[in-house]
Amino acid sequence: QAYVNYSSIAVLANLAAKPGWELMTARDDVNIWTLEEGDVLSLRVGMKVNIPSHVAFYLLSDFTLRQGWDAHFITCDLLQALNNDEKIYYVTCPPVAGHKARDFVILVSQRQACKPSEPYIIAVKSVTLATMPPCLEYWRSEITCAGFHIYSDTNSSCMVYYFNEVTAGSMPYLAANLTGLSKSIEDTALQCKTFLE
């Protein structure tokens, strides 16, 4: 368990540090970058939020609040609180483009910033839980690496970066048309910003 938790944080940090991110969309409120490696498309979304970093960390680390701003989450239930920093959630998502509705069992690992220059971290990855096997109603899907880095900007503002490494299993949620994809991500990011502020 400790290894999985550490691995989740480390994999997200590694994704964030990779070179080659290309700016896809630049707006006043939201910037979106992509990184393509073989059949893996990674996304990075950055936005300035006018609340302190520790407040953003508190709100974003509680995934039961996510339905308040993310239309891709129909339900999100806390299954297990392993400790204060690691929790397992069960998430259901709407059907897209003729596909069955999806579900996920995810581990959310969080770390507070140790220094002002370091980010608050919220890392997300799929896990297997014997008490939540796949069911016929949903298509069990997997998140390999996703999460947030939150940096302090001023005492009353912060920069929030969202990362998602998208594999073929998540592709139905991402339109082949990157313009449409960009608009969908931007809309979700703006909903997130409104929710946080």
N, C-alpha and C. Protein backbone atom coordinates (compact mmCIF):
# COMPACT_ATOMS: atom_id res chain seq x y z
N GLN A 1 0.83 -1.21 0.00
CA GLN A 1 0.00 0.00 0.00
C GLN A 1 0.86 1.26 0.00
N ALA A 2 1.89 1.28 0.85
CA ALA A 2 2.77 2.45 0.91
C ALA A 2 3.47 2.66 -0.43
N TYR A 3 3.87 1.53 -1.07
CA TYR A 3 4.54 1.64 -2.36
C TYR A 3 3.60 2.22 -3.42
N VAL A 4 2.36 1.73 -3.45
CA VAL A 4 1.38 2.22 -4.43
C VAL A 4 1.14 3.72 -4.23
N ASN A 5 1.00 4.13 -2.98
CA ASN A 5 0.76 5.54 -2.69
C ASN A 5 1.94 6.40 -3.16
N TYR A 6 3.15 5.97 -2.82
CA TYR A 6 4.34 6.73 -3.22
C TYR A 6 4.47 6.73 -4.73
N SER A 7 4.22 5.57 -5.35
CA SER A 7 4.34 5.44 -6.80
C SER A 7 3.40 6.41 -7.51
N SER A 8 2.19 6.54 -7.01
CA SER A 8 1.20 7.44 -7.61
C SER A 8 1.70 8.89 -7.59
N ILE A 9 2.24 9.33 -6.47
CA ILE A 9 2.79 10.69 -6.34
C ILE A 9 3.98 10.86 -7.28
N ALA A 10 4.87 9.85 -7.31
CA ALA A 10 6.09 9.93 -8.12
C ALA A 10 5.79 9.94 -9.61
N VAL A 11 4.83 9.12 -10.04
CA VAL A 11 4.47 9.06 -11.47
C VAL A 11 3.88 10.39 -11.92
N LEU A 12 3.06 11.01 -11.09
CA LEU A 12 2.51 12.32 -11.44
C LEU A 12 3.61 13.37 -11.52
N ALA A 13 4.55 13.36 -10.58
CA ALA A 13 5.67 14.31 -10.61
C ALA A 13 6.51 14.11 -11.87
N ASN A 14 6.70 12.86 -12.26
CA ASN A 14 7.46 12.56 -13.47
C ASN A 14 6.76 13.08 -14.72
N LEU A 15 5.44 12.90 -14.78
CA LEU A 15 4.67 13.41 -15.92
C LEU A 15 4.76 14.93 -15.99
N ALA A 16 4.63 15.59 -14.85
CA ALA A 16 4.68 17.06 -14.82
C ALA A 16 6.03 17.59 -15.28
N ALA A 17 7.09 16.84 -15.01
CA ALA A 17 8.45 17.31 -15.31
C ALA A 17 8.90 16.97 -16.73
N LYS A 18 8.11 16.23 -17.48
CA LYS A 18 8.55 15.82 -18.82
C LYS A 18 8.70 17.02 -19.76
N PRO A 19 9.71 17.00 -20.63
CA PRO A 19 9.85 18.06 -21.62
C PRO A 19 8.93 17.82 -22.81
N GLY A 20 8.74 18.83 -23.63
CA GLY A 20 8.00 18.65 -24.88
C GLY A 20 6.53 18.99 -24.85
N TRP A 21 6.05 19.59 -23.75
CA TRP A 21 4.64 20.01 -23.70
C TRP A 21 4.40 21.10 -24.74
N GLU A 22 3.32 20.96 -25.52
CA GLU A 22 2.98 21.94 -26.55
C GLU A 22 1.70 22.67 -26.16
N LEU A 23 1.76 24.01 -26.21
CA LEU A 23 0.60 24.82 -25.84
C LEU A 23 -0.47 24.68 -26.93
N MET A 24 -1.65 24.22 -26.53
CA MET A 24 -2.74 24.02 -27.47
C MET A 24 -3.73 25.19 -27.45
N THR A 25 -4.01 25.67 -26.24
CA THR A 25 -4.98 26.76 -26.07
C THR A 25 -4.45 27.72 -25.01
N ALA A 26 -4.49 29.02 -25.33
CA ALA A 26 -4.07 30.04 -24.36
C ALA A 26 -5.20 31.05 -24.20
N ARG A 27 -5.71 31.14 -23.00
CA ARG A 27 -6.76 32.11 -22.68
C ARG A 27 -6.33 32.87 -21.42
N ASP A 28 -7.06 33.91 -21.10
CA ASP A 28 -6.74 34.67 -19.89
C ASP A 28 -6.84 33.79 -18.65
N ASP A 29 -7.85 32.93 -18.62
CA ASP A 29 -8.13 32.15 -17.42
C ASP A 29 -7.56 30.73 -17.46
N VAL A 30 -7.46 30.15 -18.66
CA VAL A 30 -7.09 28.73 -18.76
C VAL A 30 -6.09 28.52 -19.91
N ASN A 31 -5.02 27.78 -19.64
CA ASN A 31 -4.08 27.34 -20.67
C ASN A 31 -4.09 25.82 -20.72
N ILE A 32 -4.00 25.26 -21.93
CA ILE A 32 -4.02 23.81 -22.10
C ILE A 32 -2.81 23.39 -22.94
N TRP A 33 -2.06 22.42 -22.43
CA TRP A 33 -0.92 21.86 -23.15
C TRP A 33 -1.17 20.38 -23.42
N THR A 34 -0.54 19.84 -24.47
CA THR A 34 -0.59 18.41 -24.75
C THR A 34 0.83 17.87 -24.90
N LEU A 35 0.96 16.58 -24.65
CA LEU A 35 2.23 15.87 -24.82
C LEU A 35 1.91 14.51 -25.40
N GLU A 36 2.41 14.24 -26.61
CA GLU A 36 2.14 12.96 -27.27
C GLU A 36 3.36 12.08 -27.22
N GLU A 37 3.16 10.85 -26.74
CA GLU A 37 4.22 9.84 -26.68
C GLU A 37 3.64 8.52 -27.14
N GLY A 38 3.90 8.16 -28.40
CA GLY A 38 3.31 6.93 -28.94
C GLY A 38 1.79 7.03 -28.95
N ASP A 39 1.12 6.04 -28.33
CA ASP A 39 -0.35 6.05 -28.30
C ASP A 39 -0.89 6.68 -27.02
N VAL A 40 -0.03 7.41 -26.31
CA VAL A 40 -0.45 8.07 -25.08
C VAL A 40 -0.48 9.58 -25.30
N LEU A 41 -1.61 10.19 -24.98
CA LEU A 41 -1.76 11.64 -25.06
C LEU A 41 -1.93 12.16 -23.64
N SER A 42 -1.03 13.03 -23.22
CA SER A 42 -1.13 13.62 -21.87
C SER A 42 -1.60 15.06 -21.98
N LEU A 43 -2.39 15.46 -21.01
CA LEU A 43 -2.94 16.81 -20.97
C LEU A 43 -2.47 17.53 -19.73
N ARG A 44 -2.19 18.82 -19.86
CA ARG A 44 -1.90 19.67 -18.71
C ARG A 44 -2.75 20.93 -18.84
N VAL A 45 -3.51 21.21 -17.83
CA VAL A 45 -4.39 22.38 -17.81
C VAL A 45 -3.95 23.29 -16.67
N GLY A 46 -3.68 24.55 -16.97
CA GLY A 46 -3.24 25.49 -15.94
C GLY A 46 -4.20 26.65 -15.80
N MET A 47 -4.47 27.05 -14.57
CA MET A 47 -5.35 28.20 -14.35
C MET A 47 -4.99 28.90 -13.04
N LYS A 48 -5.12 30.22 -13.06
CA LYS A 48 -4.91 31.00 -11.85
C LYS A 48 -6.24 31.08 -11.10
N VAL A 49 -6.19 30.81 -9.80
CA VAL A 49 -7.41 30.81 -8.98
C VAL A 49 -7.21 31.78 -7.82
N ASN A 50 -8.22 32.60 -7.59
CA ASN A 50 -8.09 33.65 -6.57
C ASN A 50 -8.53 33.18 -5.18
N ILE A 51 -7.87 32.14 -4.71
CA ILE A 51 -8.01 31.68 -3.32
C ILE A 51 -6.64 31.17 -2.88
N PRO A 52 -6.35 31.10 -1.59
CA PRO A 52 -5.06 30.58 -1.14
C PRO A 52 -4.86 29.12 -1.56
N SER A 53 -3.61 28.74 -1.75
CA SER A 53 -3.29 27.39 -2.25
C SER A 53 -3.80 26.29 -1.31
N HIS A 54 -3.72 26.52 0.01
CA HIS A 54 -4.15 25.47 0.93
C HIS A 54 -5.66 25.25 0.87
N VAL A 55 -6.41 26.30 0.51
CA VAL A 55 -7.87 26.15 0.38
C VAL A 55 -8.19 25.36 -0.89
N ALA A 56 -7.49 25.67 -1.99
CA ALA A 56 -7.68 24.92 -3.23
C ALA A 56 -7.35 23.44 -3.02
N PHE A 57 -6.28 23.19 -2.28
CA PHE A 57 -5.86 21.82 -1.98
C PHE A 57 -6.96 21.09 -1.20
N TYR A 58 -7.51 21.74 -0.21
CA TYR A 58 -8.57 21.14 0.60
C TYR A 58 -9.80 20.80 -0.25
N LEU A 59 -10.21 21.73 -1.12
CA LEU A 59 -11.41 21.53 -1.92
C LEU A 59 -11.21 20.48 -3.02
N LEU A 60 -10.03 20.48 -3.64
CA LEU A 60 -9.80 19.56 -4.75
C LEU A 60 -9.46 18.14 -4.28
N SER A 61 -8.97 18.01 -3.06
CA SER A 61 -8.61 16.68 -2.58
C SER A 61 -9.82 15.88 -2.10
N ASP A 62 -10.95 16.54 -1.89
CA ASP A 62 -12.18 15.84 -1.51
C ASP A 62 -12.97 15.53 -2.78
N PHE A 63 -12.83 14.32 -3.30
CA PHE A 63 -13.42 14.00 -4.60
C PHE A 63 -14.94 13.89 -4.54
N THR A 64 -15.52 13.81 -3.35
CA THR A 64 -16.99 13.80 -3.28
C THR A 64 -17.57 15.15 -3.67
N LEU A 65 -16.73 16.19 -3.72
CA LEU A 65 -17.19 17.51 -4.15
C LEU A 65 -17.11 17.71 -5.66
N ARG A 66 -16.50 16.74 -6.34
CA ARG A 66 -16.17 16.95 -7.75
C ARG A 66 -17.40 17.05 -8.65
N GLN A 67 -18.50 16.38 -8.26
CA GLN A 67 -19.71 16.52 -9.08
C GLN A 67 -20.18 17.96 -9.15
N GLY A 68 -19.74 18.79 -8.20
CA GLY A 68 -20.11 20.20 -8.19
C GLY A 68 -19.54 21.00 -9.35
N TRP A 69 -18.51 20.46 -10.02
CA TRP A 69 -17.94 21.22 -11.14
C TRP A 69 -17.57 20.37 -12.34
N ASP A 70 -17.51 19.05 -12.21
CA ASP A 70 -17.08 18.20 -13.32
C ASP A 70 -18.25 17.36 -13.82
N ALA A 71 -18.74 17.68 -15.03
CA ALA A 71 -19.89 16.98 -15.60
C ALA A 71 -19.58 15.53 -15.95
N HIS A 72 -18.28 15.16 -15.94
CA HIS A 72 -17.91 13.78 -16.24
C HIS A 72 -18.10 12.85 -15.04
N PHE A 73 -18.40 13.43 -13.87
CA PHE A 73 -18.64 12.63 -12.67
C PHE A 73 -20.15 12.62 -12.39
N ILE A 74 -20.79 11.46 -12.51
CA ILE A 74 -22.20 11.35 -12.12
C ILE A 74 -22.28 11.13 -10.61
N THR A 75 -21.51 10.14 -10.14
CA THR A 75 -21.47 9.87 -8.70
C THR A 75 -20.01 9.69 -8.29
N CYS A 76 -19.74 9.94 -7.04
CA CYS A 76 -18.42 9.68 -6.47
C CYS A 76 -18.61 9.36 -5.00
N ASP A 77 -18.34 8.11 -4.64
CA ASP A 77 -18.55 7.65 -3.27
C ASP A 77 -17.23 7.25 -2.64
N LEU A 78 -17.03 7.67 -1.40
CA LEU A 78 -15.84 7.27 -0.66
C LEU A 78 -16.01 5.83 -0.19
N LEU A 79 -15.11 4.94 -0.63
CA LEU A 79 -15.17 3.54 -0.23
C LEU A 79 -14.33 3.26 1.01
N GLN A 80 -13.11 3.79 1.03
CA GLN A 80 -12.21 3.56 2.16
C GLN A 80 -11.32 4.77 2.37
N ALA A 81 -11.18 5.18 3.61
CA ALA A 81 -10.16 6.17 3.98
C ALA A 81 -9.01 5.38 4.59
N LEU A 82 -7.96 5.16 3.80
CA LEU A 82 -6.83 4.36 4.28
C LEU A 82 -6.09 5.08 5.40
N ASN A 83 -5.99 6.41 5.27
CA ASN A 83 -5.45 7.30 6.29
C ASN A 83 -5.85 8.72 5.89
N ASN A 84 -5.26 9.73 6.51
CA ASN A 84 -5.65 11.11 6.18
C ASN A 84 -5.27 11.52 4.76
N ASP A 85 -4.27 10.85 4.20
CA ASP A 85 -3.74 11.27 2.90
C ASP A 85 -4.10 10.34 1.75
N GLU A 86 -4.68 9.19 2.01
CA GLU A 86 -5.02 8.24 0.96
C GLU A 86 -6.46 7.76 1.12
N LYS A 87 -7.21 7.92 0.04
CA LYS A 87 -8.61 7.49 0.06
C LYS A 87 -8.94 6.79 -1.25
N ILE A 88 -9.85 5.82 -1.17
CA ILE A 88 -10.31 5.10 -2.35
C ILE A 88 -11.77 5.48 -2.62
N TYR A 89 -12.04 5.85 -3.88
CA TYR A 89 -13.37 6.28 -4.29
C TYR A 89 -13.89 5.39 -5.42
N TYR A 90 -15.22 5.33 -5.50
CA TYR A 90 -15.89 4.68 -6.63
C TYR A 90 -16.61 5.77 -7.43
N VAL A 91 -16.29 5.85 -8.72
CA VAL A 91 -16.80 6.92 -9.57
C VAL A 91 -17.58 6.34 -10.74
N THR A 92 -18.73 6.93 -11.07
CA THR A 92 -19.44 6.56 -12.30
C THR A 92 -19.49 7.78 -13.22
N CYS A 93 -19.41 7.50 -14.52
CA CYS A 93 -19.37 8.55 -15.53
C CYS A 93 -20.41 8.27 -16.61
N PRO A 94 -20.89 9.30 -17.30
CA PRO A 94 -21.96 9.10 -18.27
C PRO A 94 -21.46 8.38 -19.53
N PRO A 95 -22.40 7.76 -20.27
CA PRO A 95 -22.01 7.14 -21.54
C PRO A 95 -21.66 8.22 -22.57
N VAL A 96 -20.75 7.88 -23.47
CA VAL A 96 -20.33 8.83 -24.52
C VAL A 96 -20.25 8.09 -25.85
N ALA A 97 -20.82 8.71 -26.88
CA ALA A 97 -20.67 8.23 -28.27
C ALA A 97 -21.00 6.74 -28.42
N GLY A 98 -22.13 6.34 -27.87
CA GLY A 98 -22.57 4.96 -28.06
C GLY A 98 -21.92 3.95 -27.14
N HIS A 99 -21.03 4.40 -26.28
CA HIS A 99 -20.38 3.48 -25.34
C HIS A 99 -21.22 3.35 -24.07
N LYS A 100 -21.00 2.26 -23.38
CA LYS A 100 -21.66 2.04 -22.09
C LYS A 100 -21.17 3.07 -21.08
N ALA A 101 -21.99 3.38 -20.08
CA ALA A 101 -21.52 4.23 -18.98
C ALA A 101 -20.30 3.58 -18.33
N ARG A 102 -19.40 4.41 -17.79
CA ARG A 102 -18.15 3.89 -17.26
C ARG A 102 -18.09 4.02 -15.75
N ASP A 103 -17.25 3.17 -15.16
CA ASP A 103 -16.98 3.34 -13.74
C ASP A 103 -15.49 3.13 -13.47
N PHE A 104 -15.06 3.68 -12.35
CA PHE A 104 -13.66 3.66 -11.95
C PHE A 104 -13.58 3.38 -10.45
N VAL A 105 -12.55 2.67 -10.03
CA VAL A 105 -12.17 2.59 -8.63
C VAL A 105 -10.81 3.26 -8.54
N ILE A 106 -10.73 4.37 -7.83
CA ILE A 106 -9.51 5.18 -7.85
C ILE A 106 -8.93 5.40 -6.45
N LEU A 107 -7.62 5.44 -6.41
CA LEU A 107 -6.90 5.83 -5.21
C LEU A 107 -6.49 7.28 -5.37
N VAL A 108 -6.85 8.12 -4.40
CA VAL A 108 -6.46 9.52 -4.40
C VAL A 108 -5.45 9.74 -3.27
N SER A 109 -4.23 10.11 -3.64
CA SER A 109 -3.16 10.35 -2.67
C SER A 109 -2.84 11.83 -2.65
N GLN A 110 -2.74 12.40 -1.45
CA GLN A 110 -2.48 13.84 -1.36
C GLN A 110 -1.27 14.11 -0.48
N ARG A 111 -0.53 15.18 -0.82
CA ARG A 111 0.63 15.60 -0.05
C ARG A 111 0.63 17.12 0.08
N GLN A 112 0.84 17.60 1.29
CA GLN A 112 0.94 19.04 1.50
C GLN A 112 2.31 19.53 1.06
N ALA A 113 2.40 20.79 0.68
CA ALA A 113 3.68 21.38 0.29
C ALA A 113 4.57 21.53 1.52
N CYS A 114 5.83 21.13 1.39
CA CYS A 114 6.78 21.26 2.51
C CYS A 114 7.45 22.63 2.52
N LYS A 115 7.60 23.22 1.33
CA LYS A 115 8.22 24.54 1.20
C LYS A 115 7.33 25.41 0.32
N PRO A 116 7.44 26.75 0.44
CA PRO A 116 6.61 27.63 -0.39
C PRO A 116 6.80 27.40 -1.89
N SER A 117 7.99 26.96 -2.31
CA SER A 117 8.25 26.76 -3.73
C SER A 117 7.74 25.42 -4.25
N GLU A 118 7.33 24.53 -3.34
CA GLU A 118 6.86 23.20 -3.75
C GLU A 118 5.34 23.18 -3.88
N PRO A 119 4.82 22.30 -4.73
CA PRO A 119 3.37 22.25 -4.90
C PRO A 119 2.67 21.36 -3.87
N TYR A 120 1.42 21.67 -3.62
CA TYR A 120 0.52 20.69 -3.02
C TYR A 120 0.22 19.67 -4.13
N ILE A 121 0.13 18.40 -3.77
CA ILE A 121 -0.04 17.36 -4.78
C ILE A 121 -1.26 16.50 -4.46
N ILE A 122 -2.05 16.24 -5.51
CA ILE A 122 -3.18 15.30 -5.42
C ILE A 122 -3.02 14.35 -6.60
N ALA A 123 -2.67 13.10 -6.34
CA ALA A 123 -2.42 12.12 -7.40
C ALA A 123 -3.54 11.09 -7.46
N VAL A 124 -3.91 10.70 -8.67
CA VAL A 124 -5.03 9.79 -8.88
C VAL A 124 -4.59 8.63 -9.76
N LYS A 125 -4.92 7.40 -9.37
CA LYS A 125 -4.71 6.25 -10.24
C LYS A 125 -5.74 5.18 -9.89
N SER A 126 -6.02 4.34 -10.87
CA SER A 126 -6.97 3.25 -10.65
C SER A 126 -6.34 2.15 -9.82
N VAL A 127 -7.17 1.51 -9.00
CA VAL A 127 -6.74 0.35 -8.21
C VAL A 127 -7.81 -0.73 -8.32
N THR A 128 -7.44 -1.95 -7.94
CA THR A 128 -8.38 -3.07 -7.92
C THR A 128 -8.80 -3.32 -6.48
N LEU A 129 -10.10 -3.46 -6.28
CA LEU A 129 -10.63 -3.69 -4.94
C LEU A 129 -11.57 -4.89 -5.01
N ALA A 130 -11.28 -5.89 -4.21
CA ALA A 130 -12.07 -7.14 -4.28
C ALA A 130 -13.55 -6.91 -4.00
N THR A 131 -13.85 -5.91 -3.18
CA THR A 131 -15.25 -5.64 -2.83
C THR A 131 -15.99 -4.85 -3.90
N MET A 132 -15.26 -4.39 -4.95
CA MET A 132 -15.90 -3.64 -6.04
C MET A 132 -15.49 -4.23 -7.39
N PRO A 133 -15.91 -5.46 -7.69
CA PRO A 133 -15.57 -6.04 -8.99
C PRO A 133 -16.35 -5.35 -10.11
N PRO A 134 -15.89 -5.49 -11.35
CA PRO A 134 -16.66 -4.92 -12.48
C PRO A 134 -18.06 -5.51 -12.53
N CYS A 135 -19.01 -4.70 -13.02
CA CYS A 135 -20.40 -5.17 -13.16
C CYS A 135 -20.86 -4.93 -14.60
N LEU A 136 -21.94 -5.59 -14.99
CA LEU A 136 -22.42 -5.53 -16.37
C LEU A 136 -22.94 -4.14 -16.75
N GLU A 137 -23.41 -3.40 -15.75
CA GLU A 137 -24.03 -2.10 -16.05
C GLU A 137 -23.02 -1.08 -16.56
N TYR A 138 -21.76 -1.21 -16.10
CA TYR A 138 -20.72 -0.23 -16.45
C TYR A 138 -19.54 -0.89 -17.14
N TRP A 139 -18.83 -0.09 -17.90
CA TRP A 139 -17.58 -0.49 -18.50
C TRP A 139 -16.46 -0.02 -17.56
N ARG A 140 -15.82 -0.96 -16.88
CA ARG A 140 -14.77 -0.62 -15.91
C ARG A 140 -13.57 -0.02 -16.66
N SER A 141 -13.19 1.17 -16.30
CA SER A 141 -12.13 1.90 -16.98
C SER A 141 -10.98 2.18 -16.03
N GLU A 142 -9.89 2.66 -16.58
CA GLU A 142 -8.67 2.81 -15.79
C GLU A 142 -8.05 4.18 -15.98
N ILE A 143 -7.61 4.75 -14.88
CA ILE A 143 -6.81 5.98 -14.91
C ILE A 143 -5.38 5.57 -14.55
N THR A 144 -4.45 5.77 -15.48
CA THR A 144 -3.07 5.39 -15.20
C THR A 144 -2.34 6.47 -14.40
N CYS A 145 -2.61 7.73 -14.72
CA CYS A 145 -1.96 8.84 -14.02
C CYS A 145 -2.75 10.11 -14.24
N ALA A 146 -3.18 10.73 -13.16
CA ALA A 146 -3.88 12.01 -13.24
C ALA A 146 -3.70 12.73 -11.90
N GLY A 147 -4.10 13.99 -11.85
CA GLY A 147 -4.03 14.69 -10.58
C GLY A 147 -3.72 16.17 -10.72
N PHE A 148 -3.48 16.78 -9.57
CA PHE A 148 -3.27 18.23 -9.51
C PHE A 148 -1.94 18.57 -8.84
N HIS A 149 -1.31 19.63 -9.34
CA HIS A 149 -0.23 20.32 -8.64
C HIS A 149 -0.73 21.74 -8.38
N ILE A 150 -0.63 22.19 -7.14
CA ILE A 150 -1.13 23.51 -6.76
C ILE A 150 0.02 24.32 -6.16
N TYR A 151 0.34 25.43 -6.81
CA TYR A 151 1.45 26.28 -6.37
C TYR A 151 0.92 27.58 -5.78
N SER A 152 1.50 28.02 -4.67
CA SER A 152 1.16 29.33 -4.11
C SER A 152 1.64 30.42 -5.05
N ASP A 153 0.78 31.40 -5.28
CA ASP A 153 1.14 32.55 -6.11
C ASP A 153 1.31 33.77 -5.21
N THR A 154 0.22 34.14 -4.54
CA THR A 154 0.26 35.15 -3.49
C THR A 154 -0.49 34.58 -2.29
N ASN A 155 -0.66 35.38 -1.24
CA ASN A 155 -1.41 34.90 -0.07
C ASN A 155 -2.87 34.61 -0.40
N SER A 156 -3.35 35.20 -1.49
CA SER A 156 -4.77 35.05 -1.82
C SER A 156 -5.00 34.46 -3.21
N SER A 157 -3.96 33.90 -3.84
CA SER A 157 -4.14 33.29 -5.16
C SER A 157 -3.15 32.15 -5.33
N CYS A 158 -3.45 31.28 -6.30
CA CYS A 158 -2.58 30.13 -6.56
C CYS A 158 -2.71 29.72 -8.02
N MET A 159 -1.76 28.92 -8.47
CA MET A 159 -1.82 28.31 -9.80
C MET A 159 -2.17 26.84 -9.64
N VAL A 160 -3.22 26.43 -10.31
CA VAL A 160 -3.67 25.04 -10.26
C VAL A 160 -3.37 24.39 -11.62
N TYR A 161 -2.64 23.29 -11.58
CA TYR A 161 -2.35 22.52 -12.79
C TYR A 161 -2.98 21.14 -12.66
N TYR A 162 -3.75 20.78 -13.69
CA TYR A 162 -4.36 19.45 -13.74
C TYR A 162 -3.66 18.63 -14.82
N PHE A 163 -3.31 17.40 -14.51
CA PHE A 163 -2.65 16.51 -15.46
C PHE A 163 -3.50 15.26 -15.66
N ASN A 164 -3.47 14.73 -16.89
CA ASN A 164 -4.14 13.46 -17.16
C ASN A 164 -3.41 12.77 -18.30
N GLU A 165 -2.95 11.56 -18.01
CA GLU A 165 -2.31 10.73 -19.04
C GLU A 165 -3.40 9.86 -19.64
N VAL A 166 -3.73 10.11 -20.90
CA VAL A 166 -4.90 9.49 -21.50
C VAL A 166 -4.46 8.31 -22.36
N THR A 167 -4.97 7.14 -22.03
CA THR A 167 -4.70 5.94 -22.82
C THR A 167 -5.93 5.61 -23.65
N ALA A 168 -5.81 4.59 -24.47
CA ALA A 168 -6.91 4.22 -25.36
C ALA A 168 -8.21 3.98 -24.61
N GLY A 169 -8.13 3.50 -23.37
CA GLY A 169 -9.33 3.19 -22.59
C GLY A 169 -10.16 4.42 -22.24
N SER A 170 -9.51 5.59 -22.21
CA SER A 170 -10.24 6.81 -21.87
C SER A 170 -10.63 7.61 -23.11
N MET A 171 -10.18 7.18 -24.27
CA MET A 171 -10.36 7.98 -25.48
C MET A 171 -11.80 8.35 -25.84
N PRO A 172 -12.81 7.50 -25.57
CA PRO A 172 -14.17 7.91 -25.92
C PRO A 172 -14.58 9.25 -25.31
N TYR A 173 -13.93 9.63 -24.18
CA TYR A 173 -14.27 10.90 -23.57
C TYR A 173 -13.60 12.07 -24.26
N LEU A 174 -12.65 11.77 -25.14
CA LEU A 174 -11.90 12.84 -25.79
C LEU A 174 -12.20 12.81 -27.28
N ALA A 175 -12.85 13.85 -27.76
CA ALA A 175 -13.23 13.90 -29.16
C ALA A 175 -11.98 13.83 -30.04
N ALA A 176 -12.11 13.19 -31.20
CA ALA A 176 -10.97 13.12 -32.12
C ALA A 176 -10.60 14.52 -32.58
N ASN A 177 -11.58 15.40 -32.64
CA ASN A 177 -11.34 16.78 -33.03
C ASN A 177 -10.77 17.54 -31.82
N LEU A 178 -9.50 17.92 -31.90
CA LEU A 178 -8.85 18.57 -30.75
C LEU A 178 -9.47 19.92 -30.43
N THR A 179 -10.10 20.54 -31.42
CA THR A 179 -10.77 21.82 -31.14
C THR A 179 -11.94 21.58 -30.18
N GLY A 180 -12.71 20.54 -30.44
CA GLY A 180 -13.81 20.20 -29.55
C GLY A 180 -13.29 19.75 -28.19
N LEU A 181 -12.20 19.00 -28.20
CA LEU A 181 -11.58 18.55 -26.95
C LEU A 181 -11.15 19.75 -26.12
N SER A 182 -10.50 20.70 -26.77
CA SER A 182 -10.02 21.89 -26.08
C SER A 182 -11.17 22.65 -25.43
N LYS A 183 -12.29 22.79 -26.16
CA LYS A 183 -13.44 23.52 -25.64
C LYS A 183 -14.03 22.80 -24.43
N SER A 184 -14.13 21.47 -24.49
CA SER A 184 -14.67 20.69 -23.39
C SER A 184 -13.79 20.83 -22.14
N ILE A 185 -12.47 20.71 -22.33
CA ILE A 185 -11.54 20.83 -21.20
C ILE A 185 -11.60 22.23 -20.61
N GLU A 186 -11.64 23.23 -21.50
CA GLU A 186 -11.68 24.62 -21.04
C GLU A 186 -12.95 24.88 -20.23
N ASP A 187 -14.08 24.37 -20.71
CA ASP A 187 -15.35 24.56 -19.99
C ASP A 187 -15.28 23.93 -18.60
N THR A 188 -14.72 22.71 -18.52
CA THR A 188 -14.60 22.03 -17.23
C THR A 188 -13.66 22.80 -16.30
N ALA A 189 -12.56 23.30 -16.85
CA ALA A 189 -11.60 24.08 -16.05
C ALA A 189 -12.24 25.35 -15.51
N LEU A 190 -13.03 26.02 -16.33
CA LEU A 190 -13.70 27.25 -15.88
C LEU A 190 -14.74 26.94 -14.80
N GLN A 191 -15.43 25.80 -14.94
CA GLN A 191 -16.36 25.36 -13.90
C GLN A 191 -15.61 25.10 -12.60
N CYS A 192 -14.44 24.50 -12.70
CA CYS A 192 -13.61 24.23 -11.54
C CYS A 192 -13.18 25.54 -10.86
N LYS A 193 -12.72 26.49 -11.67
CA LYS A 193 -12.28 27.79 -11.16
C LYS A 193 -13.43 28.50 -10.45
N THR A 194 -14.62 28.49 -11.07
CA THR A 194 -15.81 29.12 -10.45
C THR A 194 -16.14 28.45 -9.13
N PHE A 195 -16.10 27.12 -9.12
CA PHE A 195 -16.38 26.36 -7.90
C PHE A 195 -15.39 26.72 -6.78
N LEU A 196 -14.11 26.77 -7.12
CA LEU A 196 -13.09 27.06 -6.10
C LEU A 196 -13.22 28.48 -5.54
N GLU A 197 -13.52 29.41 -6.41
CA GLU A 197 -13.58 30.81 -5.97
C GLU A 197 -14.91 31.14 -5.30
